[in-house]
Each structure stands twice: as structure tokens, then as C-alpha cells.
Amino acid sequence: MVIEQAERFGLAQLHQLRGRVGRGSEKSVCLLLRGGALSETAKQR
């Protein structure tokens, strides 16, 4: 799962999107692509 500009999403939404993978027996990866200038809240998320 690749989520572009992940800092624009809320935590609940990121968690839901990540939940689309990891549904089989294989190892799953979620890549959160972030922009340059992040707010404190975005960093914590």
C-alpha cells in the first residue's frame, strides 16, 4: 500500500487504508509518502 502525501489524512483514515493490505498469509508493507514541511501534528500522526 502506497499512500501519497500521507500527512494530509487523519489517523483513522490512514489506519483504514493500511487495513486494505495484510489480509493474506504474505508479509505486507505500507509506505506513507510525506511532503517536505510537516506540522507537529502531522509528525505525531
PDB file of all heavy atoms in Angstrom:
ATOM      1  N   MET A   1       0.856  -1.190   0.000  1.00  0.00           N
ATOM      2  CA  MET A   1       0.000   0.000   0.000  1.00  0.00           C
ATOM      3  C   MET A   1       0.888   1.234   0.000  1.00  0.00           C
ATOM      4  O   MET A   1       1.775   1.364   0.851  1.00  0.00           O
ATOM      5  CB  MET A   1      -0.880  -0.012   1.263  1.00  0.00           C
ATOM      6  CG  MET A   1      -1.568   1.302   1.606  1.00  0.00           C
ATOM      7  SD  MET A   1      -2.817   1.821   0.433  1.00  0.00           S
ATOM      8  CE  MET A   1      -4.133   0.677   0.769  1.00  0.00           C
ATOM      9  N   VAL A   2       0.678   2.115  -0.996  1.00  0.00           N
ATOM     10  CA  VAL A   2       1.401   3.390  -1.030  1.00  0.00           C
ATOM     11  C   VAL A   2       0.367   4.499  -0.805  1.00  0.00           C
ATOM     12  O   VAL A   2      -0.632   4.570  -1.519  1.00  0.00           O
ATOM     13  CB  VAL A   2       2.105   3.611  -2.391  1.00  0.00           C
ATOM     14  CG1 VAL A   2       2.841   4.955  -2.391  1.00  0.00           C
ATOM     15  CG2 VAL A   2       3.071   2.472  -2.692  1.00  0.00           C
ATOM     16  N   ILE A   3       0.593   5.338   0.210  1.00  0.00           N
ATOM     17  CA  ILE A   3      -0.323   6.458   0.471  1.00  0.00           C
ATOM     18  C   ILE A   3       0.449   7.757   0.247  1.00  0.00           C
ATOM     19  O   ILE A   3       1.381   8.073   0.984  1.00  0.00           O
ATOM     20  CB  ILE A   3      -0.904   6.406   1.900  1.00  0.00           C
ATOM     21  CG1 ILE A   3      -1.599   5.056   2.137  1.00  0.00           C
ATOM     22  CG2 ILE A   3      -1.883   7.560   2.117  1.00  0.00           C
ATOM     23  CD1 ILE A   3      -2.093   4.844   3.549  1.00  0.00           C
ATOM     24  N   GLU A   4       0.059   8.460  -0.793  1.00  0.00           N
ATOM     25  CA  GLU A   4       0.784   9.676  -1.174  1.00  0.00           C
ATOM     26  C   GLU A   4       0.330  10.858  -0.310  1.00  0.00           C
ATOM     27  O   GLU A   4      -0.855  10.995  -0.014  1.00  0.00           O
ATOM     28  CB  GLU A   4       0.472   9.958  -2.656  1.00  0.00           C
ATOM     29  CG  GLU A   4       1.474  10.866  -3.304  1.00  0.00           C
ATOM     30  CD  GLU A   4       1.264  10.966  -4.819  1.00  0.00           C
ATOM     31  OE1 GLU A   4       0.641  10.082  -5.428  1.00  0.00           O
ATOM     32  OE2 GLU A   4       1.750  11.950  -5.374  1.00  0.00           O
ATOM     33  N   GLN A   5       1.298  11.710   0.077  1.00  0.00           N
ATOM     34  CA  GLN A   5       1.026  12.862   0.952  1.00  0.00           C
ATOM     35  C   GLN A   5       0.203  12.423   2.168  1.00  0.00           C
ATOM     36  O   GLN A   5      -0.857  12.967   2.483  1.00  0.00           O
ATOM     37  CB  GLN A   5       0.318  13.974   0.171  1.00  0.00           C
ATOM     38  CG  GLN A   5       1.268  14.619  -0.831  1.00  0.00           C
ATOM     39  CD  GLN A   5       0.699  15.867  -1.462  1.00  0.00           C
ATOM     40  OE1 GLN A   5      -0.086  16.583  -0.858  1.00  0.00           O
ATOM     41  NE2 GLN A   5       1.109  16.148  -2.681  1.00  0.00           N
ATOM     42  N   ALA A   6       0.721  11.417   2.848  1.00  0.00           N
ATOM     43  CA  ALA A   6       0.023  10.797   3.981  1.00  0.00           C
ATOM     44  C   ALA A   6      -0.280  11.810   5.086  1.00  0.00           C
ATOM     45  O   ALA A   6      -1.228  11.628   5.858  1.00  0.00           O
ATOM     46  CB  ALA A   6       0.870   9.654   4.533  1.00  0.00           C
ATOM     47  N   GLU A   7       0.502  12.893   5.142  1.00  0.00           N
ATOM     48  CA  GLU A   7       0.290  13.871   6.225  1.00  0.00           C
ATOM     49  C   GLU A   7      -1.052  14.591   6.097  1.00  0.00           C
ATOM     50  O   GLU A   7      -1.514  15.237   7.029  1.00  0.00           O
ATOM     51  CB  GLU A   7       1.437  14.892   6.260  1.00  0.00           C
ATOM     52  CG  GLU A   7       1.477  15.896   5.121  1.00  0.00           C
ATOM     53  CD  GLU A   7       2.200  15.389   3.874  1.00  0.00           C
ATOM     54  OE1 GLU A   7       2.499  14.172   3.811  1.00  0.00           O
ATOM     55  OE2 GLU A   7       2.475  16.210   2.975  1.00  0.00           O
ATOM     56  N   ARG A   8      -1.686  14.498   4.924  1.00  0.00           N
ATOM     57  CA  ARG A   8      -2.972  15.176   4.721  1.00  0.00           C
ATOM     58  C   ARG A   8      -4.157  14.375   5.275  1.00  0.00           C
ATOM     59  O   ARG A   8      -5.280  14.859   5.301  1.00  0.00           O
ATOM     60  CB  ARG A   8      -3.212  15.421   3.220  1.00  0.00           C
ATOM     61  CG  ARG A   8      -2.297  16.477   2.639  1.00  0.00           C
ATOM     62  CD  ARG A   8      -2.621  16.660   1.154  1.00  0.00           C
ATOM     63  NE  ARG A   8      -1.753  17.661   0.567  1.00  0.00           N
ATOM     64  CZ  ARG A   8      -2.032  18.959   0.530  1.00  0.00           C
ATOM     65  NH1 ARG A   8      -3.146  19.393   1.086  1.00  0.00           N
ATOM     66  NH2 ARG A   8      -1.208  19.802  -0.028  1.00  0.00           N
ATOM     67  N   PHE A   9      -3.918  13.124   5.643  1.00  0.00           N
ATOM     68  CA  PHE A   9      -5.004  12.269   6.114  1.00  0.00           C
ATOM     69  C   PHE A   9      -5.049  12.238   7.640  1.00  0.00           C
ATOM     70  O   PHE A   9      -4.024  12.362   8.295  1.00  0.00           O
ATOM     71  CB  PHE A   9      -4.819  10.832   5.619  1.00  0.00           C
ATOM     72  CG  PHE A   9      -4.861  10.695   4.113  1.00  0.00           C
ATOM     73  CD1 PHE A   9      -3.710  10.782   3.350  1.00  0.00           C
ATOM     74  CD2 PHE A   9      -6.065  10.469   3.467  1.00  0.00           C
ATOM     75  CE1 PHE A   9      -3.750  10.653   1.973  1.00  0.00           C
ATOM     76  CE2 PHE A   9      -6.112  10.334   2.092  1.00  0.00           C
ATOM     77  CZ  PHE A   9      -4.958  10.428   1.336  1.00  0.00           C
ATOM     78  N   GLY A  10      -6.235  11.992   8.187  1.00  0.00           N
ATOM     79  CA  GLY A  10      -6.367  11.786   9.631  1.00  0.00           C
ATOM     80  C   GLY A  10      -5.900  10.383   9.991  1.00  0.00           C
ATOM     81  O   GLY A  10      -5.781   9.514   9.125  1.00  0.00           O
ATOM     82  N   LEU A  11      -5.627  10.154  11.280  1.00  0.00           N
ATOM     83  CA  LEU A  11      -5.147   8.844  11.736  1.00  0.00           C
ATOM     84  C   LEU A  11      -6.123   7.715  11.427  1.00  0.00           C
ATOM     85  O   LEU A  11      -5.733   6.645  10.975  1.00  0.00           O
ATOM     86  CB  LEU A  11      -4.926   8.878  13.253  1.00  0.00           C
ATOM     87  CG  LEU A  11      -3.512   9.199  13.741  1.00  0.00           C
ATOM     88  CD1 LEU A  11      -3.510   9.228  15.259  1.00  0.00           C
ATOM     89  CD2 LEU A  11      -2.511   8.157  13.251  1.00  0.00           C
ATOM     90  N   ALA A  12      -7.420   7.967  11.681  1.00  0.00           N
ATOM     91  CA  ALA A  12      -8.414   6.909  11.465  1.00  0.00           C
ATOM     92  C   ALA A  12      -8.433   6.498   9.998  1.00  0.00           C
ATOM     93  O   ALA A  12      -8.503   5.311   9.674  1.00  0.00           O
ATOM     94  CB  ALA A  12      -9.792   7.400  11.897  1.00  0.00           C
ATOM     95  N   GLN A  13      -8.316   7.484   9.112  1.00  0.00           N
ATOM     96  CA  GLN A  13      -8.344   7.191   7.678  1.00  0.00           C
ATOM     97  C   GLN A  13      -7.087   6.431   7.243  1.00  0.00           C
ATOM     98  O   GLN A  13      -7.163   5.469   6.483  1.00  0.00           O
ATOM     99  CB  GLN A  13      -8.466   8.508   6.913  1.00  0.00           C
ATOM    100  CG  GLN A  13      -9.238   8.357   5.634  1.00  0.00           C
ATOM    101  CD  GLN A  13      -9.588   9.692   5.022  1.00  0.00           C
ATOM    102  OE1 GLN A  13      -8.953  10.698   5.301  1.00  0.00           O
ATOM    103  NE2 GLN A  13     -10.592   9.707   4.178  1.00  0.00           N
ATOM    104  N   LEU A  14      -5.934   6.864   7.747  1.00  0.00           N
ATOM    105  CA  LEU A  14      -4.683   6.157   7.425  1.00  0.00           C
ATOM    106  C   LEU A  14      -4.769   4.700   7.884  1.00  0.00           C
ATOM    107  O   LEU A  14      -4.356   3.782   7.178  1.00  0.00           O
ATOM    108  CB  LEU A  14      -3.487   6.843   8.107  1.00  0.00           C
ATOM    109  CG  LEU A  14      -3.033   8.174   7.509  1.00  0.00           C
ATOM    110  CD1 LEU A  14      -1.967   8.811   8.403  1.00  0.00           C
ATOM    111  CD2 LEU A  14      -2.473   7.996   6.095  1.00  0.00           C
ATOM    112  N   HIS A  15      -5.342   4.502   9.079  1.00  0.00           N
ATOM    113  CA  HIS A  15      -5.457   3.149   9.631  1.00  0.00           C
ATOM    114  C   HIS A  15      -6.387   2.289   8.762  1.00  0.00           C
ATOM    115  O   HIS A  15      -6.097   1.128   8.488  1.00  0.00           O
ATOM    116  CB  HIS A  15      -5.997   3.244  11.063  1.00  0.00           C
ATOM    117  CG  HIS A  15      -6.145   1.926  11.745  1.00  0.00           C
ATOM    118  ND1 HIS A  15      -5.083   1.073  11.952  1.00  0.00           N
ATOM    119  CD2 HIS A  15      -7.234   1.294  12.266  1.00  0.00           C
ATOM    120  CE1 HIS A  15      -5.513  -0.021  12.579  1.00  0.00           C
ATOM    121  NE2 HIS A  15      -6.819   0.093  12.776  1.00  0.00           N
ATOM    122  N   GLN A  16      -7.482   2.887   8.315  1.00  0.00           N
ATOM    123  CA  GLN A  16      -8.409   2.164   7.433  1.00  0.00           C
ATOM    124  C   GLN A  16      -7.741   1.794   6.115  1.00  0.00           C
ATOM    125  O   GLN A  16      -7.889   0.676   5.622  1.00  0.00           O
ATOM    126  CB  GLN A  16      -9.635   3.038   7.127  1.00  0.00           C
ATOM    127  CG  GLN A  16     -10.645   3.096   8.229  1.00  0.00           C
ATOM    128  CD  GLN A  16     -11.238   1.734   8.529  1.00  0.00           C
ATOM    129  OE1 GLN A  16     -11.483   0.939   7.639  1.00  0.00           O
ATOM    130  NE2 GLN A  16     -11.438   1.442   9.798  1.00  0.00           N
ATOM    131  N   LEU A  17      -7.023   2.744   5.531  1.00  0.00           N
ATOM    132  CA  LEU A  17      -6.365   2.494   4.247  1.00  0.00           C
ATOM    133  C   LEU A  17      -5.303   1.400   4.394  1.00  0.00           C
ATOM    134  O   LEU A  17      -5.202   0.500   3.571  1.00  0.00           O
ATOM    135  CB  LEU A  17      -5.742   3.789   3.703  1.00  0.00           C
ATOM    136  CG  LEU A  17      -6.756   4.835   3.223  1.00  0.00           C
ATOM    137  CD1 LEU A  17      -6.088   6.183   3.018  1.00  0.00           C
ATOM    138  CD2 LEU A  17      -7.441   4.390   1.928  1.00  0.00           C
ATOM    139  N   ARG A  18      -4.515   1.491   5.460  1.00  0.00           N
ATOM    140  CA  ARG A  18      -3.488   0.470   5.706  1.00  0.00           C
ATOM    141  C   ARG A  18      -4.133  -0.913   5.842  1.00  0.00           C
ATOM    142  O   ARG A  18      -3.562  -1.925   5.429  1.00  0.00           O
ATOM    143  CB  ARG A  18      -2.701   0.810   6.972  1.00  0.00           C
ATOM    144  CG  ARG A  18      -1.709  -0.276   7.368  1.00  0.00           C
ATOM    145  CD  ARG A  18      -0.779   0.178   8.471  1.00  0.00           C
ATOM    146  NE  ARG A  18      -1.470   0.497   9.716  1.00  0.00           N
ATOM    147  CZ  ARG A  18      -0.854   0.980  10.793  1.00  0.00           C
ATOM    148  NH1 ARG A  18       0.447   1.207  10.777  1.00  0.00           N
ATOM    149  NH2 ARG A  18      -1.531   1.257  11.893  1.00  0.00           N
ATOM    150  N   GLY A  19      -5.353  -0.945   6.392  1.00  0.00           N
ATOM    151  CA  GLY A  19      -6.050  -2.212   6.608  1.00  0.00           C
ATOM    152  C   GLY A  19      -6.480  -2.916   5.334  1.00  0.00           C
ATOM    153  O   GLY A  19      -6.957  -4.053   5.373  1.00  0.00           O
ATOM    154  N   ARG A  20      -6.294  -2.265   4.169  1.00  0.00           N
ATOM    155  CA  ARG A  20      -6.608  -2.952   2.901  1.00  0.00           C
ATOM    156  C   ARG A  20      -5.562  -4.016   2.588  1.00  0.00           C
ATOM    157  O   ARG A  20      -5.806  -4.894   1.777  1.00  0.00           O
ATOM    158  CB  ARG A  20      -6.675  -1.963   1.725  1.00  0.00           C
ATOM    159  CG  ARG A  20      -7.750  -0.887   1.771  1.00  0.00           C
ATOM    160  CD  ARG A  20      -9.117  -1.398   2.106  1.00  0.00           C
ATOM    161  NE  ARG A  20      -9.429  -1.182   3.505  1.00  0.00           N
ATOM    162  CZ  ARG A  20     -10.123  -2.007   4.258  1.00  0.00           C
ATOM    163  NH1 ARG A  20     -10.572  -3.134   3.788  1.00  0.00           N
ATOM    164  NH2 ARG A  20     -10.369  -1.728   5.519  1.00  0.00           N
ATOM    165  N   VAL A  21      -4.354  -3.899   3.187  1.00  0.00           N
ATOM    166  CA  VAL A  21      -3.336  -4.938   2.978  1.00  0.00           C
ATOM    167  C   VAL A  21      -3.216  -5.762   4.264  1.00  0.00           C
ATOM    168  O   VAL A  21      -3.855  -5.463   5.266  1.00  0.00           O
ATOM    169  CB  VAL A  21      -1.964  -4.342   2.563  1.00  0.00           C
ATOM    170  CG1 VAL A  21      -2.059  -3.643   1.220  1.00  0.00           C
ATOM    171  CG2 VAL A  21      -1.407  -3.387   3.615  1.00  0.00           C
ATOM    172  N   GLY A  22      -2.402  -6.802   4.223  1.00  0.00           N
ATOM    173  CA  GLY A  22      -2.238  -7.641   5.417  1.00  0.00           C
ATOM    174  C   GLY A  22      -3.392  -8.608   5.583  1.00  0.00           C
ATOM    175  O   GLY A  22      -3.699  -9.058   6.677  1.00  0.00           O
ATOM    176  N   ARG A  23      -4.081  -8.946   4.463  1.00  0.00           N
ATOM    177  CA  ARG A  23      -5.261  -9.800   4.552  1.00  0.00           C
ATOM    178  C   ARG A  23      -4.968 -11.240   4.131  1.00  0.00           C
ATOM    179  O   ARG A  23      -5.838 -12.096   4.230  1.00  0.00           O
ATOM    180  CB  ARG A  23      -6.386  -9.219   3.680  1.00  0.00           C
ATOM    181  CG  ARG A  23      -6.855  -7.940   4.270  1.00  0.00           C
ATOM    182  CD  ARG A  23      -7.854  -7.168   3.474  1.00  0.00           C
ATOM    183  NE  ARG A  23      -8.441  -6.185   4.386  1.00  0.00           N
ATOM    184  CZ  ARG A  23      -9.610  -6.310   4.972  1.00  0.00           C
ATOM    185  NH1 ARG A  23     -10.350  -7.360   4.750  1.00  0.00           N
ATOM    186  NH2 ARG A  23     -10.054  -5.388   5.798  1.00  0.00           N
ATOM    187  N   GLY A  24      -3.749 -11.491   3.658  1.00  0.00           N
ATOM    188  CA  GLY A  24      -3.388 -12.865   3.291  1.00  0.00           C
ATOM    189  C   GLY A  24      -2.300 -13.372   4.220  1.00  0.00           C
ATOM    190  O   GLY A  24      -2.045 -12.805   5.280  1.00  0.00           O
ATOM    191  N   SER A  25      -1.612 -14.426   3.792  1.00  0.00           N
ATOM    192  CA  SER A  25      -0.565 -15.000   4.656  1.00  0.00           C
ATOM    193  C   SER A  25       0.792 -14.344   4.406  1.00  0.00           C
ATOM    194  O   SER A  25       1.734 -14.517   5.174  1.00  0.00           O
ATOM    195  CB  SER A  25      -0.462 -16.508   4.395  1.00  0.00           C
ATOM    196  OG  SER A  25      -0.328 -16.721   2.990  1.00  0.00           O
ATOM    197  N   GLU A  26       0.907 -13.583   3.287  1.00  0.00           N
ATOM    198  CA  GLU A  26       2.191 -12.947   2.946  1.00  0.00           C
ATOM    199  C   GLU A  26       2.417 -11.687   3.785  1.00  0.00           C
ATOM    200  O   GLU A  26       1.477 -11.020   4.195  1.00  0.00           O
ATOM    201  CB  GLU A  26       2.206 -12.545   1.458  1.00  0.00           C
ATOM    202  CG  GLU A  26       2.096 -13.713   0.481  1.00  0.00           C
ATOM    203  CD  GLU A  26       3.292 -14.648   0.577  1.00  0.00           C
ATOM    204  OE1 GLU A  26       4.421 -14.139   0.555  1.00  0.00           O
ATOM    205  OE2 GLU A  26       3.084 -15.877   0.685  1.00  0.00           O
ATOM    206  N   LYS A  27       3.700 -11.349   3.969  1.00  0.00           N
ATOM    207  CA  LYS A  27       4.093 -10.124   4.686  1.00  0.00           C
ATOM    208  C   LYS A  27       3.635  -8.904   3.878  1.00  0.00           C
ATOM    209  O   LYS A  27       3.808  -8.865   2.662  1.00  0.00           O
ATOM    210  CB  LYS A  27       5.628 -10.125   4.812  1.00  0.00           C
ATOM    211  CG  LYS A  27       6.196  -8.933   5.532  1.00  0.00           C
ATOM    212  CD  LYS A  27       6.176  -9.145   7.032  1.00  0.00           C
ATOM    213  CE  LYS A  27       6.858  -7.988   7.744  1.00  0.00           C
ATOM    214  NZ  LYS A  27       6.268  -7.720   9.042  1.00  0.00           N
ATOM    215  N   SER A  28       3.041  -7.922   4.533  1.00  0.00           N
ATOM    216  CA  SER A  28       2.567  -6.722   3.825  1.00  0.00           C
ATOM    217  C   SER A  28       3.334  -5.483   4.267  1.00  0.00           C
ATOM    218  O   SER A  28       3.811  -5.400   5.401  1.00  0.00           O
ATOM    219  CB  SER A  28       1.080  -6.507   4.087  1.00  0.00           C
ATOM    220  OG  SER A  28       0.330  -7.486   3.426  1.00  0.00           O
ATOM    221  N   VAL A  29       3.406  -4.520   3.327  1.00  0.00           N
ATOM    222  CA  VAL A  29       4.136  -3.275   3.589  1.00  0.00           C
ATOM    223  C   VAL A  29       3.225  -2.091   3.277  1.00  0.00           C
ATOM    224  O   VAL A  29       2.490  -2.102   2.288  1.00  0.00           O
ATOM    225  CB  VAL A  29       5.409  -3.188   2.700  1.00  0.00           C
ATOM    226  CG1 VAL A  29       6.119  -1.848   2.894  1.00  0.00           C
ATOM    227  CG2 VAL A  29       6.363  -4.347   3.014  1.00  0.00           C
ATOM    228  N   CYS A  30       3.268  -1.065   4.135  1.00  0.00           N
ATOM    229  CA  CYS A  30       2.530   0.180   3.883  1.00  0.00           C
ATOM    230  C   CYS A  30       3.536   1.327   3.870  1.00  0.00           C
ATOM    231  O   CYS A  30       4.245   1.545   4.861  1.00  0.00           O
ATOM    232  CB  CYS A  30       1.481   0.397   4.971  1.00  0.00           C
ATOM    233  SG  CYS A  30       0.620   1.973   4.809  1.00  0.00           S
ATOM    234  N   LEU A  31       3.634   2.031   2.736  1.00  0.00           N
ATOM    235  CA  LEU A  31       4.566   3.159   2.618  1.00  0.00           C
ATOM    236  C   LEU A  31       3.788   4.471   2.716  1.00  0.00           C
ATOM    237  O   LEU A  31       2.875   4.724   1.920  1.00  0.00           O
ATOM    238  CB  LEU A  31       5.295   3.102   1.269  1.00  0.00           C
ATOM    239  CG  LEU A  31       6.140   1.846   1.014  1.00  0.00           C
ATOM    240  CD1 LEU A  31       6.780   1.915  -0.371  1.00  0.00           C
ATOM    241  CD2 LEU A  31       7.227   1.681   2.081  1.00  0.00           C
ATOM    242  N   LEU A  32       4.127   5.276   3.708  1.00  0.00           N
ATOM    243  CA  LEU A  32       3.485   6.574   3.886  1.00  0.00           C
ATOM    244  C   LEU A  32       4.390   7.638   3.280  1.00  0.00           C
ATOM    245  O   LEU A  32       5.432   7.968   3.845  1.00  0.00           O
ATOM    246  CB  LEU A  32       3.252   6.851   5.377  1.00  0.00           C
ATOM    247  CG  LEU A  32       2.433   5.795   6.134  1.00  0.00           C
ATOM    248  CD1 LEU A  32       2.412   6.105   7.630  1.00  0.00           C
ATOM    249  CD2 LEU A  32       1.021   5.704   5.594  1.00  0.00           C
ATOM    250  N   LEU A  33       4.025   8.135   2.096  1.00  0.00           N
ATOM    251  CA  LEU A  33       4.840   9.160   1.429  1.00  0.00           C
ATOM    252  C   LEU A  33       4.488  10.513   2.020  1.00  0.00           C
ATOM    253  O   LEU A  33       3.320  10.911   1.996  1.00  0.00           O
ATOM    254  CB  LEU A  33       4.529   9.177  -0.070  1.00  0.00           C
ATOM    255  CG  LEU A  33       5.146   8.075  -0.924  1.00  0.00           C
ATOM    256  CD1 LEU A  33       4.763   8.269  -2.380  1.00  0.00           C
ATOM    257  CD2 LEU A  33       6.656   8.080  -0.806  1.00  0.00           C
ATOM    258  N   ARG A  34       5.494  11.219   2.534  1.00  0.00           N
ATOM    259  CA  ARG A  34       5.203  12.509   3.174  1.00  0.00           C
ATOM    260  C   ARG A  34       5.840  13.657   2.408  1.00  0.00           C
ATOM    261  O   ARG A  34       6.866  13.487   1.738  1.00  0.00           O
ATOM    262  CB  ARG A  34       5.722  12.508   4.610  1.00  0.00           C
ATOM    263  CG  ARG A  34       7.221  12.310   4.711  1.00  0.00           C
ATOM    264  CD  ARG A  34       7.752  12.717   6.070  1.00  0.00           C
ATOM    265  NE  ARG A  34       9.194  12.541   6.174  1.00  0.00           N
ATOM    266  CZ  ARG A  34      10.094  13.412   5.707  1.00  0.00           C
ATOM    267  NH1 ARG A  34       9.702  14.498   5.092  1.00  0.00           N
ATOM    268  NH2 ARG A  34      11.388  13.175   5.860  1.00  0.00           N
ATOM    269  N   GLY A  35       5.219  14.837   2.519  1.00  0.00           N
ATOM    270  CA  GLY A  35       5.768  16.036   1.883  1.00  0.00           C
ATOM    271  C   GLY A  35       6.931  16.592   2.696  1.00  0.00           C
ATOM    272  O   GLY A  35       7.361  15.989   3.685  1.00  0.00           O
ATOM    273  N   GLY A  36       7.412  17.774   2.295  1.00  0.00           N
ATOM    274  CA  GLY A  36       8.603  18.341   2.949  1.00  0.00           C
ATOM    275  C   GLY A  36       8.306  18.956   4.298  1.00  0.00           C
ATOM    276  O   GLY A  36       8.787  18.501   5.334  1.00  0.00           O
ATOM    277  N   ALA A  37       7.463  20.027   4.312  1.00  0.00           N
ATOM    278  CA  ALA A  37       7.221  20.755   5.572  1.00  0.00           C
ATOM    279  C   ALA A  37       6.063  20.108   6.323  1.00  0.00           C
ATOM    280  O   ALA A  37       4.925  20.159   5.878  1.00  0.00           O
ATOM    281  CB  ALA A  37       6.885  22.216   5.251  1.00  0.00           C
ATOM    282  N   LEU A  38       6.358  19.495   7.457  1.00  0.00           N
ATOM    283  CA  LEU A  38       5.314  18.827   8.232  1.00  0.00           C
ATOM    284  C   LEU A  38       4.994  19.620   9.493  1.00  0.00           C
ATOM    285  O   LEU A  38       5.894  20.111  10.163  1.00  0.00           O
ATOM    286  CB  LEU A  38       5.770  17.424   8.664  1.00  0.00           C
ATOM    287  CG  LEU A  38       5.971  16.361   7.584  1.00  0.00           C
ATOM    288  CD1 LEU A  38       6.270  15.021   8.244  1.00  0.00           C
ATOM    289  CD2 LEU A  38       4.751  16.215   6.699  1.00  0.00           C
ATOM    290  N   SER A  39       3.708  19.716   9.806  1.00  0.00           N
ATOM    291  CA  SER A  39       3.329  20.346  11.081  1.00  0.00           C
ATOM    292  C   SER A  39       3.654  19.358  12.201  1.00  0.00           C
ATOM    293  O   SER A  39       3.868  18.177  11.957  1.00  0.00           O
ATOM    294  CB  SER A  39       1.831  20.653  11.074  1.00  0.00           C
ATOM    295  OG  SER A  39       1.103  19.428  11.106  1.00  0.00           O
ATOM    296  N   GLU A  40       3.647  19.862  13.438  1.00  0.00           N
ATOM    297  CA  GLU A  40       3.914  18.989  14.596  1.00  0.00           C
ATOM    298  C   GLU A  40       2.893  17.851  14.658  1.00  0.00           C
ATOM    299  O   GLU A  40       3.230  16.701  14.905  1.00  0.00           O
ATOM    300  CB  GLU A  40       3.831  19.806  15.889  1.00  0.00           C
ATOM    301  CG  GLU A  40       5.137  20.115  16.598  1.00  0.00           C
ATOM    302  CD  GLU A  40       6.301  19.175  16.336  1.00  0.00           C
ATOM    303  OE1 GLU A  40       6.259  18.047  16.853  1.00  0.00           O
ATOM    304  OE2 GLU A  40       7.248  19.535  15.626  1.00  0.00           O
ATOM    305  N   THR A  41       1.628  18.209  14.417  1.00  0.00           N
ATOM    306  CA  THR A  41       0.555  17.201  14.469  1.00  0.00           C
ATOM    307  C   THR A  41       0.790  16.119  13.430  1.00  0.00           C
ATOM    308  O   THR A  41       0.631  14.927  13.709  1.00  0.00           O
ATOM    309  CB  THR A  41      -0.821  17.878  14.226  1.00  0.00           C
ATOM    310  OG1 THR A  41      -0.976  18.907  15.189  1.00  0.00           O
ATOM    311  CG2 THR A  41      -1.960  16.898  14.346  1.00  0.00           C
ATOM    312  N   ALA A  42       1.162  16.532  12.204  1.00  0.00           N
ATOM    313  CA  ALA A  42       1.392  15.554  11.128  1.00  0.00           C
ATOM    314  C   ALA A  42       2.538  14.615  11.508  1.00  0.00           C
ATOM    315  O   ALA A  42       2.458  13.399  11.287  1.00  0.00           O
ATOM    316  CB  ALA A  42       1.696  16.282   9.827  1.00  0.00           C
ATOM    317  N   LYS A  43       3.595  15.178  12.110  1.00  0.00           N
ATOM    318  CA  LYS A  43       4.737  14.336  12.532  1.00  0.00           C
ATOM    319  C   LYS A  43       4.275  13.300  13.553  1.00  0.00           C
ATOM    320  O   LYS A  43       4.636  12.122  13.474  1.00  0.00           O
ATOM    321  CB  LYS A  43       5.839  15.214  13.159  1.00  0.00           C
ATOM    322  CG  LYS A  43       6.703  15.944  12.138  1.00  0.00           C
ATOM    323  CD  LYS A  43       7.736  16.794  12.863  1.00  0.00           C
ATOM    324  CE  LYS A  43       8.438  17.727  11.866  1.00  0.00           C
ATOM    325  NZ  LYS A  43       9.162  18.802  12.551  1.00  0.00           N
ATOM    326  N   GLN A  44       3.452  13.747  14.522  1.00  0.00           N
ATOM    327  CA  GLN A  44       2.972  12.823  15.566  1.00  0.00           C
ATOM    328  C   GLN A  44       2.086  11.732  14.974  1.00  0.00           C
ATOM    329  O   GLN A  44       2.176  10.571  15.339  1.00  0.00           O
ATOM    330  CB  GLN A  44       2.191  13.604  16.637  1.00  0.00           C
ATOM    331  CG  GLN A  44       3.098  14.365  17.592  1.00  0.00           C
ATOM    332  CD  GLN A  44       2.277  15.239  18.526  1.00  0.00           C
ATOM    333  OE1 GLN A  44       1.909  16.350  18.190  1.00  0.00           O
ATOM    334  NE2 GLN A  44       1.965  14.726  19.694  1.00  0.00           N
ATOM    335  N   ARG A  45       1.236  12.134  14.021  1.00  0.00           N
ATOM    336  CA  ARG A  45       0.350  11.157  13.371  1.00  0.00           C
ATOM    337  C   ARG A  45       1.160  10.056  12.692  1.00  0.00           C
ATOM    338  O   ARG A  45       0.887   8.873  12.864  1.00  0.00           O
ATOM    339  CB  ARG A  45      -0.483  11.858  12.286  1.00  0.00           C
ATOM    340  CG  ARG A  45      -1.832  12.260  12.750  1.00  0.00           C
ATOM    341  CD  ARG A  45      -2.699  12.672  11.576  1.00  0.00           C
ATOM    342  NE  ARG A  45      -3.718  13.592  12.066  1.00  0.00           N
ATOM    343  CZ  ARG A  45      -4.055  14.714  11.469  1.00  0.00           C
ATOM    344  NH1 ARG A  45      -3.481  15.080  10.363  1.00  0.00           N
ATOM    345  NH2 ARG A  45      -4.988  15.468  11.978  1.00  0.00           N
TER     346      ARG A  45
END
